[in-house]
Amino acid sequence: MTVEKLKISVKLHCEPKPVFTALLNAAQHSKITESECLIQPSEKSKFSILNGTVKGSITELFPYKRMLVSWRHNEYDPSDKDSIVEFLFIYKDEHTLLTITHSQIPDEWSAKIKEIWKKKYFKNLKLTFNKP
């Protein structure tokens, strides 16, 4: 079985702090993804997102700059390793470039994972944070 890596970005018209904070706040995260989310803003805490279909833990937090999490879809094969997701926040010219690097994706999951990021996250992040 091969393992894939996905890198995807979105440009948001805001500073990094509100986006970073929203992703770590259960109510705001739920609103962005339009699904149930349980999350706490601290390293080593566990989370459950997208109505419990994805679970993991927060590995590292560098406020408003970088976040690293382990990530596992409930339909992954038991032999699959957890994915690793890095959120990188770069502020420039009054915009935040949020880049998500999702690695250790089981090969048959690449397309589905990309759609999750685009439809469940980037779509509503743009609607929420691209208000001038």
Protein backbone atom coordinates (compact mmCIF):
# COMPACT_ATOMS: atom_id res chain seq x y z
CA MET A 1 0.00 0.00 0.00
CA THR A 2 1.33 3.42 -0.89
CA VAL A 3 0.90 6.48 1.25
CA GLU A 4 -0.02 9.85 -0.16
CA LYS A 5 0.68 13.45 0.84
CA LEU A 6 -1.64 16.37 0.10
CA LYS A 7 -0.79 20.07 0.27
CA ILE A 8 -3.64 22.54 -0.14
CA SER A 9 -3.95 26.27 0.62
CA VAL A 10 -6.58 28.94 1.03
CA LYS A 11 -6.10 32.72 1.19
CA LEU A 12 -8.25 34.46 3.81
CA HIS A 13 -8.81 38.18 4.29
CA CYS A 14 -7.96 38.34 8.00
CA GLU A 15 -5.14 37.91 10.47
CA PRO A 16 -4.18 34.36 11.53
CA LYS A 17 -5.50 34.63 15.10
CA PRO A 18 -9.26 34.34 14.40
CA VAL A 19 -8.77 31.37 12.06
CA PHE A 20 -6.38 29.57 14.42
CA THR A 21 -8.75 30.22 17.33
CA ALA A 22 -11.83 29.08 15.40
CA LEU A 23 -10.25 25.75 14.50
CA LEU A 24 -9.58 25.07 18.20
CA ASN A 25 -13.01 26.17 19.47
CA ALA A 26 -15.68 23.45 19.38
CA ALA A 27 -18.60 25.78 18.59
CA GLN A 28 -16.75 27.71 15.87
CA HIS A 29 -15.23 24.55 14.38
CA SER A 30 -18.71 23.01 14.27
CA LYS A 31 -20.07 26.07 12.50
CA ILE A 32 -17.29 26.04 9.90
CA THR A 33 -17.68 22.33 9.12
CA GLU A 34 -21.46 22.25 9.64
CA SER A 35 -20.96 19.18 11.82
CA GLU A 36 -20.43 18.17 15.43
CA CYS A 37 -16.97 18.83 16.83
CA LEU A 38 -15.38 18.20 20.20
CA ILE A 39 -12.00 19.89 20.63
CA GLN A 40 -9.93 21.63 23.29
CA PRO A 41 -7.22 24.20 22.54
CA SER A 42 -4.31 22.42 24.20
CA GLU A 43 -1.45 20.15 23.20
CA LYS A 44 -1.98 16.42 23.76
CA SER A 45 -5.76 16.89 23.89
CA LYS A 46 -7.94 14.55 21.86
CA PHE A 47 -10.55 15.71 19.36
CA SER A 48 -13.50 14.33 17.45
CA ILE A 49 -14.65 16.23 14.34
CA LEU A 50 -17.03 15.86 11.41
CA ASN A 51 -19.72 14.13 13.48
CA GLY A 52 -17.20 11.71 14.96
CA THR A 53 -15.92 10.39 11.62
CA VAL A 54 -12.45 11.82 12.32
CA LYS A 55 -10.61 11.53 15.61
CA GLY A 56 -7.12 12.46 16.66
CA SER A 57 -5.00 14.51 19.00
CA ILE A 58 -3.24 17.85 18.95
CA THR A 59 0.50 17.24 18.84
CA GLU A 60 1.90 20.78 18.71
CA LEU A 61 0.52 24.30 18.96
CA PHE A 62 2.47 27.41 18.03
CA PRO A 63 -0.24 30.07 18.42
CA TYR A 64 -1.29 31.79 15.22
CA LYS A 65 1.60 30.22 13.26
CA ARG A 66 1.43 26.42 13.21
CA MET A 67 -0.62 23.50 14.44
CA LEU A 68 0.22 19.79 14.13
CA VAL A 69 -2.33 17.02 14.72
CA SER A 70 -2.73 13.29 14.32
CA TRP A 71 -5.85 12.55 12.26
CA ARG A 72 -7.73 9.30 11.65
CA HIS A 73 -10.90 8.71 9.66
CA ASN A 74 -13.12 6.01 11.18
CA GLU A 75 -13.16 4.15 7.85
CA TYR A 76 -9.38 3.79 7.62
CA ASP A 77 -8.25 0.18 7.56
CA PRO A 78 -7.05 -0.91 11.03
CA SER A 79 -3.59 -1.49 9.55
CA ASP A 80 -3.37 2.12 8.30
CA LYS A 81 -1.29 4.57 10.32
CA ASP A 82 -2.84 7.78 11.58
CA SER A 83 -2.45 10.69 9.19
CA ILE A 84 -0.45 13.76 10.20
CA VAL A 85 -1.88 17.20 9.46
CA GLU A 86 0.11 20.42 9.64
CA PHE A 87 -1.70 23.77 9.56
CA LEU A 88 0.63 26.63 8.62
CA PHE A 89 -0.58 30.25 8.96
CA ILE A 90 1.37 32.94 7.06
CA TYR A 91 0.21 36.55 7.27
CA LYS A 92 1.18 38.90 4.44
CA ASP A 93 -0.46 41.87 2.73
CA GLU A 94 -3.52 41.80 5.01
CA HIS A 95 -4.22 38.15 4.19
CA THR A 96 -3.56 34.84 5.88
CA LEU A 97 -2.40 32.00 3.72
CA LEU A 98 -3.52 28.82 5.46
CA THR A 99 -1.64 25.82 4.09
CA ILE A 100 -2.64 22.35 5.15
CA THR A 101 -0.17 19.54 4.59
CA HIS A 102 -1.87 16.19 5.17
CA SER A 103 0.56 13.27 5.08
CA GLN A 104 0.40 9.51 5.60
CA ILE A 105 -2.91 9.30 3.72
CA PRO A 106 -3.75 5.76 2.61
CA ASP A 107 -3.60 5.88 -1.20
CA GLU A 108 -7.27 5.07 -1.76
CA TRP A 109 -8.21 8.03 0.46
CA SER A 110 -6.41 10.88 -1.34
CA ALA A 111 -9.35 12.15 -3.40
CA LYS A 112 -11.81 11.86 -0.51
CA ILE A 113 -9.49 13.69 1.91
CA LYS A 114 -8.97 16.51 -0.60
CA GLU A 115 -12.75 16.90 -0.94
CA ILE A 116 -13.16 16.99 2.86
CA TRP A 117 -10.69 19.89 3.10
CA LYS A 118 -12.25 21.78 0.19
CA LYS A 119 -15.94 21.27 1.01
CA LYS A 120 -15.96 20.99 4.79
CA TYR A 121 -13.29 23.55 5.60
CA PHE A 122 -12.13 25.92 2.86
CA LYS A 123 -15.60 26.72 1.53
CA ASN A 124 -16.88 28.01 4.88
CA LEU A 125 -13.55 29.47 6.00
CA LYS A 126 -13.74 31.71 2.92
CA LEU A 127 -17.34 32.67 3.71
CA THR A 128 -16.48 33.39 7.34
CA PHE A 129 -13.15 35.20 6.99
CA ASN A 130 -13.24 36.88 3.59
CA LYS A 131 -15.50 39.68 4.72
CA PRO A 132 -13.65 42.98 4.24
